[in-house]
């Protein structure tokens, strides 16, 4: 019984999976943040172009 508990304690496969999950989550947050910023800037640019074209 003790040898089983020791082997489970030393098993790091689950820890690796959790670490990969955290990394994937952080990458997803970075992608969403970047896409939001690009979308906001692009929306402003297109708005300025539309205003300039309407005034021409």
C-alpha atoms as a PDB file:
ATOM      1  CA  UNK A   1       0.000   0.000   0.000  1.00  0.00           C
ATOM      2  CA  UNK A   2       2.803   2.412   0.852  1.00  0.00           C
ATOM      3  CA  UNK A   3       4.631   1.697  -2.386  1.00  0.00           C
ATOM      4  CA  UNK A   4       1.477   2.562  -4.334  1.00  0.00           C
ATOM      5  CA  UNK A   5       1.140   5.855  -2.467  1.00  0.00           C
ATOM      6  CA  UNK A   6       4.802   6.669  -3.070  1.00  0.00           C
ATOM      7  CA  UNK A   7       4.473   5.970  -6.789  1.00  0.00           C
ATOM      8  CA  UNK A   8       1.369   8.169  -6.981  1.00  0.00           C
ATOM      9  CA  UNK A   9       3.187  10.938  -5.117  1.00  0.00           C
ATOM     10  CA  UNK A  10       6.098  10.844  -7.570  1.00  0.00           C
ATOM     11  CA  UNK A  11       3.837  10.703 -10.659  1.00  0.00           C
ATOM     12  CA  UNK A  12       4.050  14.084 -12.407  1.00  0.00           C
ATOM     13  CA  UNK A  13       1.944  13.374 -15.507  1.00  0.00           C
ATOM     14  CA  UNK A  14      -1.063  15.173 -14.073  1.00  0.00           C
ATOM     15  CA  UNK A  15       1.067  18.164 -13.095  1.00  0.00           C
ATOM     16  CA  UNK A  16       2.358  18.453 -16.654  1.00  0.00           C
ATOM     17  CA  UNK A  17      -1.187  18.386 -18.004  1.00  0.00           C
ATOM     18  CA  UNK A  18      -2.208  21.168 -15.611  1.00  0.00           C
ATOM     19  CA  UNK A  19       0.815  23.246 -16.617  1.00  0.00           C
ATOM     20  CA  UNK A  20      -0.004  22.815 -20.304  1.00  0.00           C
ATOM     21  CA  UNK A  21      -3.591  23.807 -19.573  1.00  0.00           C
ATOM     22  CA  UNK A  22      -2.460  26.977 -17.805  1.00  0.00           C
ATOM     23  CA  UNK A  23      -0.143  27.883 -20.671  1.00  0.00           C
ATOM     24  CA  UNK A  24      -2.942  27.330 -23.201  1.00  0.00           C
ATOM     25  CA  UNK A  25      -5.237  29.514 -21.102  1.00  0.00           C
ATOM     26  CA  UNK A  26      -2.707  32.335 -20.941  1.00  0.00           C
ATOM     27  CA  UNK A  27      -2.144  32.155 -24.691  1.00  0.00           C
ATOM     28  CA  UNK A  28      -5.907  32.303 -25.263  1.00  0.00           C
ATOM     29  CA  UNK A  29      -6.197  35.399 -23.051  1.00  0.00           C
ATOM     30  CA  UNK A  30      -3.353  37.061 -24.965  1.00  0.00           C
ATOM     31  CA  UNK A  31      -5.002  36.286 -28.318  1.00  0.00           C
ATOM     32  CA  UNK A  32      -8.374  37.645 -27.192  1.00  0.00           C
ATOM     33  CA  UNK A  33      -6.749  40.812 -25.835  1.00  0.00           C
ATOM     34  CA  UNK A  34      -4.775  41.389 -29.031  1.00  0.00           C
ATOM     35  CA  UNK A  35      -7.815  40.760 -31.220  1.00  0.00           C
ATOM     36  CA  UNK A  36      -9.871  43.213 -29.177  1.00  0.00           C
ATOM     37  CA  UNK A  37      -7.230  45.923 -29.454  1.00  0.00           C
ATOM     38  CA  UNK A  38      -6.793  45.393 -33.194  1.00  0.00           C
ATOM     39  CA  UNK A  39     -10.560  45.396 -33.691  1.00  0.00           C
ATOM     40  CA  UNK A  40     -10.965  48.654 -31.776  1.00  0.00           C
ATOM     41  CA  UNK A  41      -8.161  50.343 -33.708  1.00  0.00           C
ATOM     42  CA  UNK A  42      -9.479  49.046 -37.030  1.00  0.00           C
ATOM     43  CA  UNK A  43     -12.977  50.259 -36.203  1.00  0.00           C
ATOM     44  CA  UNK A  44     -11.617  53.746 -35.477  1.00  0.00           C
ATOM     45  CA  UNK A  45      -9.602  53.779 -38.702  1.00  0.00           C
ATOM     46  CA  UNK A  46     -12.575  52.716 -40.805  1.00  0.00           C
ATOM     47  CA  UNK A  47     -14.717  55.334 -39.086  1.00  0.00           C
ATOM     48  CA  UNK A  48     -12.216  58.072 -39.964  1.00  0.00           C
ATOM     49  CA  UNK A  49     -12.066  56.859 -43.588  1.00  0.00           C
ATOM     50  CA  UNK A  50     -15.858  56.819 -43.797  1.00  0.00           C
ATOM     51  CA  UNK A  51     -16.064  60.366 -42.415  1.00  0.00           C
ATOM     52  CA  UNK A  52     -13.414  61.583 -44.851  1.00  0.00           C
ATOM     53  CA  UNK A  53     -15.164  59.973 -47.812  1.00  0.00           C
ATOM     54  CA  UNK A  54     -18.562  61.346 -46.784  1.00  0.00           C
ATOM     55  CA  UNK A  55     -17.134  64.873 -46.647  1.00  0.00           C
ATOM     56  CA  UNK A  56     -15.524  64.613 -50.092  1.00  0.00           C
END
